[in-house]
């Protein structure tokens, strides 16, 4: 079976809810089925040391998502993963505007955006 290349996209990996979820997903993916890549806008944060050693980490060295989105899009184009997983809302918004263009250039890529869960259910 051919391994799928998955690229996770995050601004950084400081401790936080979305960051923790992404690290857990990355560390628990079946390595027989997936080759794991991570694209960070900045390679910083406490959770970087929690990643498994086999994760390919790419860094843009840009502080703000808004200033680095075009560099990120170019990197996605060059890496050409099977799946792009965006893990935080402001990044999802920027990325979603360019998915139609990327789909023309790199048709095989599937895009997944993590959104907030429904864990705040209230009962009356």
PDB file of N, CA and C in Angstrom:
ATOM      1  N   UNK A   1       0.847  -1.182   0.000  1.00  0.00           N
ATOM      2  CA  UNK A   1       0.000   0.000   0.000  1.00  0.00           C
ATOM      3  C   UNK A   1       0.894   1.247   0.000  1.00  0.00           C
ATOM      4  N   UNK A   2       0.562   2.198  -0.866  1.00  0.00           N
ATOM      5  CA  UNK A   2       1.299   3.457  -0.932  1.00  0.00           C
ATOM      6  C   UNK A   2       0.943   4.327   0.280  1.00  0.00           C
ATOM      7  N   UNK A   3       1.959   4.889   0.903  1.00  0.00           N
ATOM      8  CA  UNK A   3       1.711   5.797   2.026  1.00  0.00           C
ATOM      9  C   UNK A   3       1.165   7.117   1.499  1.00  0.00           C
ATOM     10  N   UNK A   4       0.233   7.687   2.246  1.00  0.00           N
ATOM     11  CA  UNK A   4      -0.291   9.011   1.930  1.00  0.00           C
ATOM     12  C   UNK A   4       0.575  10.054   2.616  1.00  0.00           C
ATOM     13  N   UNK A   5       0.921  11.102   1.873  1.00  0.00           N
ATOM     14  CA  UNK A   5       1.635  12.235   2.467  1.00  0.00           C
ATOM     15  C   UNK A   5       0.603  13.195   3.033  1.00  0.00           C
ATOM     16  N   UNK A   6       0.719  13.474   4.318  1.00  0.00           N
ATOM     17  CA  UNK A   6      -0.184  14.434   4.961  1.00  0.00           C
ATOM     18  C   UNK A   6       0.658  15.594   5.481  1.00  0.00           C
ATOM     19  N   UNK A   7       0.184  16.790   5.213  1.00  0.00           N
ATOM     20  CA  UNK A   7       0.866  18.009   5.650  1.00  0.00           C
ATOM     21  C   UNK A   7      -0.040  18.750   6.623  1.00  0.00           C
ATOM     22  N   UNK A   8       0.427  18.901   7.855  1.00  0.00           N
ATOM     23  CA  UNK A   8      -0.279  19.687   8.858  1.00  0.00           C
ATOM     24  C   UNK A   8       0.251  21.111   8.782  1.00  0.00           C
ATOM     25  N   UNK A   9      -0.641  22.066   8.892  1.00  0.00           N
ATOM     26  CA  UNK A   9      -0.288  23.480   8.755  1.00  0.00           C
ATOM     27  C   UNK A   9      -0.714  24.213  10.021  1.00  0.00           C
ATOM     28  N   UNK A  10       0.269  24.825  10.698  1.00  0.00           N
ATOM     29  CA  UNK A  10       0.007  25.545  11.945  1.00  0.00           C
ATOM     30  C   UNK A  10       0.912  26.775  12.025  1.00  0.00           C
ATOM     31  N   UNK A  11       0.472  27.834  12.718  1.00  0.00           N
ATOM     32  CA  UNK A  11       1.342  29.000  12.909  1.00  0.00           C
ATOM     33  C   UNK A  11       2.570  28.674  13.764  1.00  0.00           C
ATOM     34  N   UNK A  12       2.369  27.938  14.853  1.00  0.00           N
ATOM     35  CA  UNK A  12       3.431  27.552  15.791  1.00  0.00           C
ATOM     36  C   UNK A  12       2.871  26.462  16.681  1.00  0.00           C
ATOM     37  N   UNK A  13       3.630  26.001  17.671  1.00  0.00           N
ATOM     38  CA  UNK A  13       3.146  24.929  18.548  1.00  0.00           C
ATOM     39  C   UNK A  13       3.264  25.288  20.028  1.00  0.00           C
ATOM     40  N   UNK A  14       2.838  26.503  20.393  1.00  0.00           N
ATOM     41  CA  UNK A  14       2.733  26.841  21.818  1.00  0.00           C
ATOM     42  C   UNK A  14       1.597  26.026  22.420  1.00  0.00           C
ATOM     43  N   UNK A  15       1.632  25.875  23.724  1.00  0.00           N
ATOM     44  CA  UNK A  15       0.557  25.113  24.378  1.00  0.00           C
ATOM     45  C   UNK A  15      -0.783  25.787  24.149  1.00  0.00           C
ATOM     46  N   UNK A  16      -1.718  24.999  23.684  1.00  0.00           N
ATOM     47  CA  UNK A  16      -3.061  25.487  23.432  1.00  0.00           C
ATOM     48  C   UNK A  16      -3.922  24.326  22.976  1.00  0.00           C
ATOM     49  N   UNK A  17      -5.205  24.550  22.911  1.00  0.00           N
ATOM     50  CA  UNK A  17      -6.135  23.487  22.543  1.00  0.00           C
ATOM     51  C   UNK A  17      -5.902  22.943  21.154  1.00  0.00           C
ATOM     52  N   UNK A  18      -5.888  23.817  20.150  1.00  0.00           N
ATOM     53  CA  UNK A  18      -5.701  23.378  18.765  1.00  0.00           C
ATOM     54  C   UNK A  18      -4.322  22.749  18.575  1.00  0.00           C
ATOM     55  N   UNK A  19      -3.318  23.356  19.166  1.00  0.00           N
ATOM     56  CA  UNK A  19      -1.952  22.843  19.039  1.00  0.00           C
ATOM     57  C   UNK A  19      -1.841  21.444  19.653  1.00  0.00           C
ATOM     58  N   UNK A  20      -2.443  21.268  20.820  1.00  0.00           N
ATOM     59  CA  UNK A  20      -2.417  19.958  21.473  1.00  0.00           C
ATOM     60  C   UNK A  20      -3.125  18.893  20.654  1.00  0.00           C
ATOM     61  N   UNK A  21      -4.258  19.259  20.063  1.00  0.00           N
ATOM     62  CA  UNK A  21      -4.993  18.318  19.212  1.00  0.00           C
ATOM     63  C   UNK A  21      -4.137  17.908  18.017  1.00  0.00           C
ATOM     64  N   UNK A  22      -3.509  18.875  17.373  1.00  0.00           N
ATOM     65  CA  UNK A  22      -2.672  18.593  16.201  1.00  0.00           C
ATOM     66  C   UNK A  22      -1.510  17.675  16.570  1.00  0.00           C
ATOM     67  N   UNK A  23      -0.839  17.959  17.673  1.00  0.00           N
ATOM     68  CA  UNK A  23       0.283  17.113  18.096  1.00  0.00           C
ATOM     69  C   UNK A  23      -0.202  15.696  18.384  1.00  0.00           C
ATOM     70  N   UNK A  24      -1.358  15.554  19.036  1.00  0.00           N
ATOM     71  CA  UNK A  24      -1.895  14.213  19.309  1.00  0.00           C
ATOM     72  C   UNK A  24      -2.220  13.464  18.023  1.00  0.00           C
ATOM     73  N   UNK A  25      -2.822  14.146  17.069  1.00  0.00           N
ATOM     74  CA  UNK A  25      -3.128  13.499  15.786  1.00  0.00           C
ATOM     75  C   UNK A  25      -1.838  13.081  15.094  1.00  0.00           C
ATOM     76  N   UNK A  26      -0.881  14.010  15.008  1.00  0.00           N
ATOM     77  CA  UNK A  26       0.395  13.725  14.349  1.00  0.00           C
ATOM     78  C   UNK A  26       1.078  12.513  14.980  1.00  0.00           C
ATOM     79  N   UNK A  27       1.152  12.487  16.291  1.00  0.00           N
ATOM     80  CA  UNK A  27       1.879  11.422  16.979  1.00  0.00           C
ATOM     81  C   UNK A  27       1.177  10.073  16.924  1.00  0.00           C
ATOM     82  N   UNK A  28      -0.128  10.069  16.667  1.00  0.00           N
ATOM     83  CA  UNK A  28      -0.871   8.813  16.695  1.00  0.00           C
ATOM     84  C   UNK A  28      -1.301   8.290  15.333  1.00  0.00           C
ATOM     85  N   UNK A  29      -0.925   8.985  14.271  1.00  0.00           N
ATOM     86  CA  UNK A  29      -1.233   8.472  12.938  1.00  0.00           C
ATOM     87  C   UNK A  29      -0.439   7.195  12.660  1.00  0.00           C
ATOM     88  N   UNK A  30      -1.053   6.283  11.944  1.00  0.00           N
ATOM     89  CA  UNK A  30      -0.437   5.018  11.568  1.00  0.00           C
ATOM     90  C   UNK A  30       0.670   5.281  10.540  1.00  0.00           C
ATOM     91  N   UNK A  31       1.911   5.037  10.921  1.00  0.00           N
ATOM     92  CA  UNK A  31       3.042   5.305  10.038  1.00  0.00           C
ATOM     93  C   UNK A  31       3.136   4.294   8.892  1.00  0.00           C
ATOM     94  N   UNK A  32       2.377   3.221   8.957  1.00  0.00           N
ATOM     95  CA  UNK A  32       2.303   2.286   7.829  1.00  0.00           C
ATOM     96  C   UNK A  32       1.467   2.880   6.697  1.00  0.00           C
ATOM     97  N   UNK A  33       0.590   3.823   7.042  1.00  0.00           N
ATOM     98  CA  UNK A  33      -0.323   4.410   6.052  1.00  0.00           C
ATOM     99  C   UNK A  33       0.002   5.861   5.701  1.00  0.00           C
ATOM    100  N   UNK A  34       0.698   6.575   6.605  1.00  0.00           N
ATOM    101  CA  UNK A  34       0.934   8.008   6.412  1.00  0.00           C
ATOM    102  C   UNK A  34       2.404   8.383   6.581  1.00  0.00           C
ATOM    103  N   UNK A  35       2.841   9.309   5.741  1.00  0.00           N
ATOM    104  CA  UNK A  35       4.121  10.000   5.903  1.00  0.00           C
ATOM    105  C   UNK A  35       3.738  11.394   6.394  1.00  0.00           C
ATOM    106  N   UNK A  36       4.238  11.790   7.555  1.00  0.00           N
ATOM    107  CA  UNK A  36       3.756  12.985   8.240  1.00  0.00           C
ATOM    108  C   UNK A  36       4.707  14.166   8.060  1.00  0.00           C
ATOM    109  N   UNK A  37       4.124  15.299   7.633  1.00  0.00           N
ATOM    110  CA  UNK A  37       4.843  16.552   7.447  1.00  0.00           C
ATOM    111  C   UNK A  37       4.130  17.642   8.241  1.00  0.00           C
ATOM    112  N   UNK A  38       4.894  18.613   8.701  1.00  0.00           N
ATOM    113  CA  UNK A  38       4.336  19.730   9.451  1.00  0.00           C
ATOM    114  C   UNK A  38       4.947  21.019   8.914  1.00  0.00           C
ATOM    115  N   UNK A  39       4.097  21.955   8.528  1.00  0.00           N
ATOM    116  CA  UNK A  39       4.540  23.267   8.070  1.00  0.00           C
ATOM    117  C   UNK A  39       4.159  24.296   9.123  1.00  0.00           C
ATOM    118  N   UNK A  40       5.161  24.937   9.712  1.00  0.00           N
ATOM    119  CA  UNK A  40       4.960  25.956  10.738  1.00  0.00           C
ATOM    120  C   UNK A  40       5.353  27.320  10.189  1.00  0.00           C
ATOM    121  N   UNK A  41       4.606  28.335  10.569  1.00  0.00           N
ATOM    122  CA  UNK A  41       5.004  29.696  10.218  1.00  0.00           C
ATOM    123  C   UNK A  41       6.223  30.094  11.037  1.00  0.00           C
ATOM    124  N   UNK A  42       6.280  29.662  12.285  1.00  0.00           N
ATOM    125  CA  UNK A  42       7.445  29.856  13.159  1.00  0.00           C
ATOM    126  C   UNK A  42       7.702  28.547  13.898  1.00  0.00           C
ATOM    127  N   UNK A  43       8.939  28.098  13.922  1.00  0.00           N
ATOM    128  CA  UNK A  43       9.276  26.873  14.648  1.00  0.00           C
ATOM    129  C   UNK A  43       9.548  27.236  16.102  1.00  0.00           C
ATOM    130  N   UNK A  44       8.449  27.393  16.821  1.00  0.00           N
ATOM    131  CA  UNK A  44       8.563  27.698  18.243  1.00  0.00           C
ATOM    132  C   UNK A  44       7.354  27.140  18.967  1.00  0.00           C
ATOM    133  N   UNK A  45       7.539  26.963  20.267  1.00  0.00           N
ATOM    134  CA  UNK A  45       6.464  26.450  21.105  1.00  0.00           C
ATOM    135  C   UNK A  45       6.887  25.217  21.879  1.00  0.00           C
ATOM    136  N   UNK A  46       6.300  25.069  23.049  1.00  0.00           N
ATOM    137  CA  UNK A  46       6.624  23.970  23.960  1.00  0.00           C
ATOM    138  C   UNK A  46       6.353  22.596  23.363  1.00  0.00           C
ATOM    139  N   UNK A  47       5.377  22.510  22.472  1.00  0.00           N
ATOM    140  CA  UNK A  47       4.943  21.206  21.986  1.00  0.00           C
ATOM    141  C   UNK A  47       5.815  20.633  20.868  1.00  0.00           C
ATOM    142  N   UNK A  48       6.746  21.408  20.350  1.00  0.00           N
ATOM    143  CA  UNK A  48       7.624  20.894  19.290  1.00  0.00           C
ATOM    144  C   UNK A  48       8.407  19.688  19.794  1.00  0.00           C
ATOM    145  N   UNK A  49       8.850  19.749  21.046  1.00  0.00           N
ATOM    146  CA  UNK A  49       9.623  18.638  21.614  1.00  0.00           C
ATOM    147  C   UNK A  49       8.772  17.391  21.834  1.00  0.00           C
ATOM    148  N   UNK A  50       7.448  17.523  21.759  1.00  0.00           N
ATOM    149  CA  UNK A  50       6.550  16.384  21.944  1.00  0.00           C
ATOM    150  C   UNK A  50       6.324  15.591  20.660  1.00  0.00           C
ATOM    151  N   UNK A  51       6.763  16.143  19.534  1.00  0.00           N
ATOM    152  CA  UNK A  51       6.545  15.472  18.248  1.00  0.00           C
ATOM    153  C   UNK A  51       7.447  14.249  18.100  1.00  0.00           C
ATOM    154  N   UNK A  52       6.935  13.247  17.402  1.00  0.00           N
ATOM    155  CA  UNK A  52       7.754  12.079  17.094  1.00  0.00           C
ATOM    156  C   UNK A  52       8.898  12.492  16.180  1.00  0.00           C
ATOM    157  N   UNK A  53       9.984  11.734  16.234  1.00  0.00           N
ATOM    158  CA  UNK A  53      11.187  12.054  15.472  1.00  0.00           C
ATOM    159  C   UNK A  53      11.016  11.935  13.963  1.00  0.00           C
ATOM    160  N   UNK A  54      10.032  11.182  13.508  1.00  0.00           N
ATOM    161  CA  UNK A  54       9.878  10.941  12.069  1.00  0.00           C
ATOM    162  C   UNK A  54       9.032  11.996  11.350  1.00  0.00           C
ATOM    163  N   UNK A  55       8.661  13.074  12.051  1.00  0.00           N
ATOM    164  CA  UNK A  55       7.871  14.140  11.439  1.00  0.00           C
ATOM    165  C   UNK A  55       8.807  15.074  10.672  1.00  0.00           C
ATOM    166  N   UNK A  56       8.516  15.282   9.393  1.00  0.00           N
ATOM    167  CA  UNK A  56       9.279  16.242   8.583  1.00  0.00           C
ATOM    168  C   UNK A  56       8.739  17.635   8.878  1.00  0.00           C
ATOM    169  N   UNK A  57       9.576  18.511   9.427  1.00  0.00           N
ATOM    170  CA  UNK A  57       9.135  19.848   9.804  1.00  0.00           C
ATOM    171  C   UNK A  57       9.701  20.869   8.827  1.00  0.00           C
ATOM    172  N   UNK A  58       8.802  21.685   8.276  1.00  0.00           N
ATOM    173  CA  UNK A  58       9.166  22.798   7.400  1.00  0.00           C
ATOM    174  C   UNK A  58       8.804  24.086   8.127  1.00  0.00           C
ATOM    175  N   UNK A  59       9.618  25.118   7.976  1.00  0.00           N
ATOM    176  CA  UNK A  59       9.384  26.378   8.666  1.00  0.00           C
ATOM    177  C   UNK A  59       9.453  27.531   7.678  1.00  0.00           C
ATOM    178  N   UNK A  60       8.498  28.467   7.800  1.00  0.00           N
ATOM    179  CA  UNK A  60       8.469  29.640   6.932  1.00  0.00           C
ATOM    180  C   UNK A  60       9.225  30.829   7.526  1.00  0.00           C
ATOM    181  N   UNK A  61       9.411  30.843   8.853  1.00  0.00           N
ATOM    182  CA  UNK A  61      10.065  31.953   9.563  1.00  0.00           C
ATOM    183  C   UNK A  61       9.343  33.283   9.346  1.00  0.00           C
ATOM    184  N   UNK A  62       8.038  33.236   9.480  1.00  0.00           N
ATOM    185  CA  UNK A  62       7.194  34.428   9.354  1.00  0.00           C
ATOM    186  C   UNK A  62       6.282  34.471  10.580  1.00  0.00           C
ATOM    187  N   UNK A  63       6.178  35.642  11.205  1.00  0.00           N
ATOM    188  CA  UNK A  63       5.416  35.766  12.441  1.00  0.00           C
ATOM    189  C   UNK A  63       3.898  35.739  12.280  1.00  0.00           C
ATOM    190  N   UNK A  64       3.397  36.288  11.188  1.00  0.00           N
ATOM    191  CA  UNK A  64       1.947  36.420  11.050  1.00  0.00           C
ATOM    192  C   UNK A  64       1.428  35.609   9.871  1.00  0.00           C
ATOM    193  N   UNK A  65       0.307  34.926  10.081  1.00  0.00           N
ATOM    194  CA  UNK A  65      -0.318  34.147   9.020  1.00  0.00           C
ATOM    195  C   UNK A  65      -0.626  35.026   7.823  1.00  0.00           C
ATOM    196  N   UNK A  66      -1.160  36.216   8.064  1.00  0.00           N
ATOM    197  CA  UNK A  66      -1.533  37.103   6.954  1.00  0.00           C
ATOM    198  C   UNK A  66      -0.335  37.480   6.089  1.00  0.00           C
ATOM    199  N   UNK A  67       0.837  37.580   6.689  1.00  0.00           N
ATOM    200  CA  UNK A  67       2.037  37.941   5.926  1.00  0.00           C
ATOM    201  C   UNK A  67       2.698  36.732   5.272  1.00  0.00           C
ATOM    202  N   UNK A  68       2.354  35.536   5.720  1.00  0.00           N
ATOM    203  CA  UNK A  68       3.027  34.348   5.217  1.00  0.00           C
ATOM    204  C   UNK A  68       2.178  33.409   4.385  1.00  0.00           C
ATOM    205  N   UNK A  69       0.931  33.777   4.132  1.00  0.00           N
ATOM    206  CA  UNK A  69       0.043  32.838   3.448  1.00  0.00           C
ATOM    207  C   UNK A  69       0.546  32.489   2.047  1.00  0.00           C
ATOM    208  N   UNK A  70       1.092  33.441   1.311  1.00  0.00           N
ATOM    209  CA  UNK A  70       1.568  33.138  -0.040  1.00  0.00           C
ATOM    210  C   UNK A  70       2.785  32.216  -0.016  1.00  0.00           C
ATOM    211  N   UNK A  71       3.647  32.414   0.976  1.00  0.00           N
ATOM    212  CA  UNK A  71       4.789  31.519   1.141  1.00  0.00           C
ATOM    213  C   UNK A  71       4.308  30.111   1.514  1.00  0.00           C
ATOM    214  N   UNK A  72       3.279  30.045   2.352  1.00  0.00           N
ATOM    215  CA  UNK A  72       2.715  28.749   2.744  1.00  0.00           C
ATOM    216  C   UNK A  72       2.090  28.047   1.534  1.00  0.00           C
ATOM    217  N   UNK A  73       1.367  28.801   0.717  1.00  0.00           N
ATOM    218  CA  UNK A  73       0.749  28.225  -0.479  1.00  0.00           C
ATOM    219  C   UNK A  73       1.818  27.679  -1.430  1.00  0.00           C
ATOM    220  N   UNK A  74       2.898  28.423  -1.589  1.00  0.00           N
ATOM    221  CA  UNK A  74       3.989  27.963  -2.448  1.00  0.00           C
ATOM    222  C   UNK A  74       4.603  26.675  -1.892  1.00  0.00           C
ATOM    223  N   UNK A  75       4.758  26.622  -0.575  1.00  0.00           N
ATOM    224  CA  UNK A  75       5.339  25.427   0.054  1.00  0.00           C
ATOM    225  C   UNK A  75       4.405  24.225  -0.124  1.00  0.00           C
ATOM    226  N   UNK A  76       3.105  24.437   0.017  1.00  0.00           N
ATOM    227  CA  UNK A  76       2.128  23.363  -0.218  1.00  0.00           C
ATOM    228  C   UNK A  76       2.270  22.870  -1.660  1.00  0.00           C
ATOM    229  N   UNK A  77       2.364  23.807  -2.589  1.00  0.00           N
ATOM    230  CA  UNK A  77       2.514  23.477  -4.000  1.00  0.00           C
ATOM    231  C   UNK A  77       3.773  22.631  -4.225  1.00  0.00           C
ATOM    232  N   UNK A  78       4.882  23.013  -3.598  1.00  0.00           N
ATOM    233  CA  UNK A  78       6.150  22.301  -3.784  1.00  0.00           C
ATOM    234  C   UNK A  78       6.149  20.925  -3.112  1.00  0.00           C
ATOM    235  N   UNK A  79       5.611  20.829  -1.911  1.00  0.00           N
ATOM    236  CA  UNK A  79       5.584  19.553  -1.196  1.00  0.00           C
ATOM    237  C   UNK A  79       4.617  18.587  -1.882  1.00  0.00           C
ATOM    238  N   UNK A  80       3.507  19.112  -2.365  1.00  0.00           N
ATOM    239  CA  UNK A  80       2.467  18.360  -3.079  1.00  0.00           C
ATOM    240  C   UNK A  80       1.980  17.141  -2.289  1.00  0.00           C
ATOM    241  N   UNK A  81       1.451  17.386  -1.079  1.00  0.00           N
ATOM    242  CA  UNK A  81       0.960  16.276  -0.264  1.00  0.00           C
ATOM    243  C   UNK A  81      -0.375  15.751  -0.801  1.00  0.00           C
ATOM    244  N   UNK A  82      -0.780  14.609  -0.311  1.00  0.00           N
ATOM    245  CA  UNK A  82      -2.109  14.074  -0.641  1.00  0.00           C
ATOM    246  C   UNK A  82      -3.190  14.800   0.155  1.00  0.00           C
ATOM    247  N   UNK A  83      -2.840  15.182   1.386  1.00  0.00           N
ATOM    248  CA  UNK A  83      -3.791  15.816   2.306  1.00  0.00           C
ATOM    249  C   UNK A  83      -3.119  17.013   2.970  1.00  0.00           C
ATOM    250  N   UNK A  84      -3.850  18.128   3.068  1.00  0.00           N
ATOM    251  CA  UNK A  84      -3.429  19.285   3.860  1.00  0.00           C
ATOM    252  C   UNK A  84      -4.432  19.424   4.995  1.00  0.00           C
ATOM    253  N   UNK A  85      -3.933  19.448   6.223  1.00  0.00           N
ATOM    254  CA  UNK A  85      -4.767  19.574   7.416  1.00  0.00           C
ATOM    255  C   UNK A  85      -4.410  20.881   8.099  1.00  0.00           C
ATOM    256  N   UNK A  86      -5.331  21.830   8.048  1.00  0.00           N
ATOM    257  CA  UNK A  86      -5.128  23.125   8.691  1.00  0.00           C
ATOM    258  C   UNK A  86      -5.798  23.091  10.053  1.00  0.00           C
ATOM    259  N   UNK A  87      -5.067  23.513  11.065  1.00  0.00           N
ATOM    260  CA  UNK A  87      -5.542  23.263  12.411  1.00  0.00           C
ATOM    261  C   UNK A  87      -6.017  24.439  13.229  1.00  0.00           C
ATOM    262  N   UNK A  88      -6.159  25.615  12.639  1.00  0.00           N
ATOM    263  CA  UNK A  88      -6.569  26.754  13.461  1.00  0.00           C
ATOM    264  C   UNK A  88      -7.381  27.725  12.605  1.00  0.00           C
ATOM    265  N   UNK A  89      -8.376  28.360  13.204  1.00  0.00           N
ATOM    266  CA  UNK A  89      -9.401  29.071  12.438  1.00  0.00           C
ATOM    267  C   UNK A  89      -8.890  30.201  11.546  1.00  0.00           C
ATOM    268  N   UNK A  90      -8.007  31.084  12.038  1.00  0.00           N
ATOM    269  CA  UNK A  90      -7.581  32.187  11.172  1.00  0.00           C
ATOM    270  C   UNK A  90      -6.789  31.671   9.974  1.00  0.00           C
ATOM    271  N   UNK A  91      -6.041  30.630  10.158  1.00  0.00           N
ATOM    272  CA  UNK A  91      -5.311  30.007   9.062  1.00  0.00           C
ATOM    273  C   UNK A  91      -6.278  29.357   8.073  1.00  0.00           C
ATOM    274  N   UNK A  92      -7.319  28.728   8.582  1.00  0.00           N
ATOM    275  CA  UNK A  92      -8.337  28.116   7.721  1.00  0.00           C
ATOM    276  C   UNK A  92      -8.993  29.158   6.820  1.00  0.00           C
ATOM    277  N   UNK A  93      -9.251  30.331   7.358  1.00  0.00           N
ATOM    278  CA  UNK A  93      -9.898  31.393   6.581  1.00  0.00           C
ATOM    279  C   UNK A  93      -9.005  31.831   5.432  1.00  0.00           C
ATOM    280  N   UNK A  94      -7.739  32.087   5.716  1.00  0.00           N
ATOM    281  CA  UNK A  94      -6.807  32.497   4.657  1.00  0.00           C
ATOM    282  C   UNK A  94      -6.647  31.389   3.610  1.00  0.00           C
ATOM    283  N   UNK A  95      -6.458  30.171   4.076  1.00  0.00           N
ATOM    284  CA  UNK A  95      -6.231  29.056   3.166  1.00  0.00           C
ATOM    285  C   UNK A  95      -7.443  28.798   2.275  1.00  0.00           C
ATOM    286  N   UNK A  96      -8.642  28.905   2.843  1.00  0.00           N
ATOM    287  CA  UNK A  96      -9.860  28.575   2.086  1.00  0.00           C
ATOM    288  C   UNK A  96     -10.040  29.463   0.858  1.00  0.00           C
ATOM    289  N   UNK A  97      -9.554  30.683   0.908  1.00  0.00           N
ATOM    290  CA  UNK A  97      -9.690  31.585  -0.232  1.00  0.00           C
ATOM    291  C   UNK A  97      -8.879  31.108  -1.434  1.00  0.00           C
ATOM    292  N   UNK A  98      -7.830  30.310  -1.192  1.00  0.00           N
ATOM    293  CA  UNK A  98      -6.938  29.899  -2.268  1.00  0.00           C
ATOM    294  C   UNK A  98      -7.087  28.431  -2.673  1.00  0.00           C
ATOM    295  N   UNK A  99      -7.933  27.687  -1.991  1.00  0.00           N
ATOM    296  CA  UNK A  99      -8.111  26.275  -2.327  1.00  0.00           C
ATOM    297  C   UNK A  99      -8.559  26.083  -3.772  1.00  0.00           C
ATOM    298  N   UNK A 100      -9.497  26.885  -4.306  1.00  0.00           N
ATOM    299  CA  UNK A 100      -9.874  26.675  -5.714  1.00  0.00           C
ATOM    300  C   UNK A 100      -8.696  26.791  -6.681  1.00  0.00           C
ATOM    301  N   UNK A 101      -7.783  27.716  -6.415  1.00  0.00           N
ATOM    302  CA  UNK A 101      -6.608  27.869  -7.271  1.00  0.00           C
ATOM    303  C   UNK A 101      -5.675  26.671  -7.118  1.00  0.00           C
ATOM    304  N   UNK A 102      -5.444  26.258  -5.874  1.00  0.00           N
ATOM    305  CA  UNK A 102      -4.586  25.098  -5.644  1.00  0.00           C
ATOM    306  C   UNK A 102      -5.182  23.829  -6.253  1.00  0.00           C
ATOM    307  N   UNK A 103      -6.498  23.718  -6.232  1.00  0.00           N
ATOM    308  CA  UNK A 103      -7.148  22.541  -6.815  1.00  0.00           C
ATOM    309  C   UNK A 103      -6.919  22.478  -8.325  1.00  0.00           C
ATOM    310  N   UNK A 104      -6.788  23.616  -8.966  1.00  0.00           N
ATOM    311  CA  UNK A 104      -6.473  23.639 -10.405  1.00  0.00           C
ATOM    312  C   UNK A 104      -5.020  23.225 -10.616  1.00  0.00           C
ATOM    313  N   UNK A 105      -4.127  23.746  -9.789  1.00  0.00           N
ATOM    314  CA  UNK A 105      -2.697  23.478  -9.948  1.00  0.00           C
ATOM    315  C   UNK A 105      -2.289  22.089  -9.450  1.00  0.00           C
ATOM    316  N   UNK A 106      -2.913  21.660  -8.373  1.00  0.00           N
ATOM    317  CA  UNK A 106      -2.584  20.385  -7.742  1.00  0.00           C
ATOM    318  C   UNK A 106      -3.883  19.675  -7.379  1.00  0.00           C
ATOM    319  N   UNK A 107      -4.525  19.092  -8.370  1.00  0.00           N
ATOM    320  CA  UNK A 107      -5.880  18.566  -8.231  1.00  0.00           C
ATOM    321  C   UNK A 107      -6.023  17.452  -7.199  1.00  0.00           C
ATOM    322  N   UNK A 108      -4.979  16.667  -6.968  1.00  0.00           N
ATOM    323  CA  UNK A 108      -5.138  15.508  -6.079  1.00  0.00           C
ATOM    324  C   UNK A 108      -5.221  15.878  -4.591  1.00  0.00           C
ATOM    325  N   UNK A 109      -4.803  17.073  -4.215  1.00  0.00           N
ATOM    326  CA  UNK A 109      -4.738  17.433  -2.798  1.00  0.00           C
ATOM    327  C   UNK A 109      -6.146  17.550  -2.203  1.00  0.00           C
ATOM    328  N   UNK A 110      -6.323  16.924  -1.050  1.00  0.00           N
ATOM    329  CA  UNK A 110      -7.557  17.040  -0.264  1.00  0.00           C
ATOM    330  C   UNK A 110      -7.269  17.974   0.899  1.00  0.00           C
ATOM    331  N   UNK A 111      -8.250  18.788   1.263  1.00  0.00           N
ATOM    332  CA  UNK A 111      -8.070  19.774   2.323  1.00  0.00           C
ATOM    333  C   UNK A 111      -9.007  19.474   3.480  1.00  0.00           C
ATOM    334  N   UNK A 112      -8.457  19.530   4.684  1.00  0.00           N
ATOM    335  CA  UNK A 112      -9.229  19.332   5.909  1.00  0.00           C
ATOM    336  C   UNK A 112      -8.946  20.518   6.810  1.00  0.00           C
ATOM    337  N   UNK A 113      -9.991  21.106   7.364  1.00  0.00           N
ATOM    338  CA  UNK A 113      -9.837  22.220   8.296  1.00  0.00           C
ATOM    339  C   UNK A 113     -10.476  21.834   9.622  1.00  0.00           C
ATOM    340  N   UNK A 114      -9.689  21.876  10.689  1.00  0.00           N
ATOM    341  CA  UNK A 114     -10.214  21.607  12.028  1.00  0.00           C
ATOM    342  C   UNK A 114     -10.974  22.838  12.487  1.00  0.00           C
ATOM    343  N   UNK A 115     -12.182  22.622  12.943  1.00  0.00           N
ATOM    344  CA  UNK A 115     -12.977  23.701  13.515  1.00  0.00           C
ATOM    345  C   UNK A 115     -13.249  23.395  14.976  1.00  0.00           C
ATOM    346  N   UNK A 116     -13.797  24.342  15.675  1.00  0.00           N
ATOM    347  CA  UNK A 116     -14.123  24.127  17.078  1.00  0.00           C
ATOM    348  C   UNK A 116     -15.124  22.999  17.209  1.00  0.00           C
ATOM    349  N   UNK A 117     -14.964  22.219  18.254  1.00  0.00           N
ATOM    350  CA  UNK A 117     -15.872  21.098  18.514  1.00  0.00           C
ATOM    351  C   UNK A 117     -17.169  21.571  19.143  1.00  0.00           C
ATOM    352  N   UNK A 118     -18.033  20.640  19.398  1.00  0.00           N
ATOM    353  CA  UNK A 118     -19.332  20.942  20.001  1.00  0.00           C
ATOM    354  C   UNK A 118     -19.334  20.544  21.461  1.00  0.00           C
ATOM    355  N   UNK A 119     -18.213  20.737  22.133  1.00  0.00           N
ATOM    356  CA  UNK A 119     -18.100  20.288  23.521  1.00  0.00           C
ATOM    357  C   UNK A 119     -18.773  21.217  24.517  1.00  0.00           C
ATOM    358  N   UNK A 120     -19.268  22.369  24.072  1.00  0.00           N
ATOM    359  CA  UNK A 120     -19.905  23.308  24.982  1.00  0.00           C
ATOM    360  C   UNK A 120     -21.419  23.132  25.041  1.00  0.00           C
ATOM    361  N   UNK A 121     -21.878  21.895  24.887  1.00  0.00           N
ATOM    362  CA  UNK A 121     -23.315  21.646  24.930  1.00  0.00           C
ATOM    363  C   UNK A 121     -23.859  21.978  26.318  1.00  0.00           C
ATOM    364  N   UNK A 122     -24.988  22.656  26.350  1.00  0.00           N
ATOM    365  CA  UNK A 122     -25.618  23.001  27.637  1.00  0.00           C
ATOM    366  C   UNK A 122     -26.976  22.329  27.711  1.00  0.00           C
ATOM    367  N   UNK A 123     -27.276  21.825  28.862  1.00  0.00           N
ATOM    368  CA  UNK A 123     -28.615  21.240  29.039  1.00  0.00           C
ATOM    369  C   UNK A 123     -29.443  22.169  29.882  1.00  0.00           C
ATOM    370  N   UNK A 124     -30.739  22.163  29.626  1.00  0.00           N
ATOM    371  CA  UNK A 124     -31.615  23.062  30.388  1.00  0.00           C
ATOM    372  C   UNK A 124     -32.286  22.350  31.518  1.00  0.00           C
TER     373      UNK A 124
END
